[in-house]
């Protein structure tokens, strides 16, 4: 579940509101232990996502980077190369019939 939370700091272009919201949603899902809250908990769940996204925006605005900003496309390509090298996403072989 938390593998979907990506680093949002020090990218050019900066993280979008949708990326911040997605990270907040994944965090709340992990903490709550559910991907879909019950109707009784929906308001609390939504409020937590909103509050965490808001706090994340403030955090990203306040952080100071000493390294040059990373390029999003280059980081995605590096991650894919690491995954291929590790065999994490190795192609599946069909079972013999």
Protein backbone atom coordinates (compact mmCIF):
# COMPACT_ATOMS: atom_id res chain seq x y z
CA UNK A 1 0.00 0.00 0.00
CA UNK A 2 2.68 2.55 0.97
CA UNK A 3 4.82 1.74 -2.04
CA UNK A 4 2.59 4.20 -3.87
CA UNK A 5 3.83 7.12 -1.78
CA UNK A 6 6.58 8.76 -3.79
CA UNK A 7 9.10 11.42 -2.86
CA UNK A 8 7.57 14.79 -3.67
CA UNK A 9 10.37 17.13 -2.60
CA UNK A 10 12.90 18.75 -4.93
CA UNK A 11 11.40 17.97 -8.31
CA UNK A 12 11.04 20.22 -11.30
CA UNK A 13 8.23 20.75 -12.01
CA UNK A 14 7.08 20.73 -8.42
CA UNK A 15 4.58 18.19 -7.10
CA UNK A 16 1.04 18.78 -8.23
CA UNK A 17 -1.97 19.01 -5.93
CA UNK A 18 -3.07 15.62 -7.28
CA UNK A 19 0.26 14.03 -6.32
CA UNK A 20 0.09 15.52 -2.83
CA UNK A 21 -3.51 14.30 -2.43
CA UNK A 22 -2.58 10.81 -3.67
CA UNK A 23 0.27 10.59 -1.14
CA UNK A 24 -2.02 11.78 1.67
CA UNK A 25 -4.67 9.25 0.64
CA UNK A 26 -2.16 6.38 0.67
CA UNK A 27 -0.89 7.46 4.08
CA UNK A 28 -4.39 7.58 5.57
CA UNK A 29 -5.25 4.22 4.01
CA UNK A 30 -2.18 2.68 5.60
CA UNK A 31 -2.85 4.19 9.03
CA UNK A 32 -6.55 3.29 8.91
CA UNK A 33 -5.82 -0.21 7.63
CA UNK A 34 -8.42 0.06 4.89
CA UNK A 35 -8.65 1.31 1.34
CA UNK A 36 -12.36 2.05 1.62
CA UNK A 37 -13.73 3.32 4.91
CA UNK A 38 -17.22 2.48 6.13
CA UNK A 39 -19.93 5.11 5.76
CA UNK A 40 -19.60 5.82 9.48
CA UNK A 41 -15.90 6.62 9.05
CA UNK A 42 -15.97 8.34 5.65
CA UNK A 43 -16.08 11.91 7.00
CA UNK A 44 -13.16 11.32 9.37
CA UNK A 45 -11.21 9.59 6.59
CA UNK A 46 -11.81 12.44 4.13
CA UNK A 47 -10.94 15.07 6.74
CA UNK A 48 -7.68 13.27 7.54
CA UNK A 49 -6.72 13.14 3.85
CA UNK A 50 -7.48 16.86 3.50
CA UNK A 51 -5.52 17.79 6.64
CA UNK A 52 -2.50 15.67 5.70
CA UNK A 53 -2.46 17.03 2.15
CA UNK A 54 -2.60 20.57 3.59
CA UNK A 55 0.27 19.86 5.99
CA UNK A 56 2.26 18.26 3.16
CA UNK A 57 1.86 21.37 1.00
CA UNK A 58 3.23 23.48 3.87
CA UNK A 59 6.10 21.06 4.42
CA UNK A 60 7.07 21.06 0.73
CA UNK A 61 6.91 24.86 0.63
CA UNK A 62 9.17 25.18 3.68
CA UNK A 63 11.81 22.57 2.81
CA UNK A 64 15.13 23.87 1.52
CA UNK A 65 16.99 21.85 -1.09
CA UNK A 66 20.75 22.07 -1.49
CA UNK A 67 20.85 19.72 -4.49
CA UNK A 68 19.56 20.77 -7.89
CA UNK A 69 15.96 19.72 -8.62
CA UNK A 70 15.46 16.23 -10.01
CA UNK A 71 13.81 15.61 -13.35
CA UNK A 72 10.67 13.51 -12.93
CA UNK A 73 11.07 11.58 -16.21
CA UNK A 74 14.72 10.74 -15.49
CA UNK A 75 13.83 9.44 -12.01
CA UNK A 76 11.07 7.24 -13.45
CA UNK A 77 13.52 5.81 -16.01
CA UNK A 78 16.07 5.09 -13.25
CA UNK A 79 13.41 3.35 -11.14
CA UNK A 80 12.37 1.18 -14.10
CA UNK A 81 15.98 0.24 -14.78
CA UNK A 82 16.50 -0.72 -11.11
CA UNK A 83 13.33 -2.82 -11.16
CA UNK A 84 14.38 -4.63 -14.33
CA UNK A 85 17.87 -5.27 -12.96
CA UNK A 86 16.49 -6.67 -9.71
CA UNK A 87 14.10 -8.95 -11.57
CA UNK A 88 11.23 -7.47 -9.61
CA UNK A 89 9.05 -7.28 -12.68
CA UNK A 90 10.43 -10.24 -14.61
CA UNK A 91 8.17 -11.47 -17.38
CA UNK A 92 6.02 -14.41 -16.36
CA UNK A 93 6.42 -17.68 -18.19
CA UNK A 94 3.19 -19.38 -19.20
CA UNK A 95 2.64 -22.79 -17.62
CA UNK A 96 2.99 -25.76 -19.95
CA UNK A 97 -0.28 -27.39 -20.82
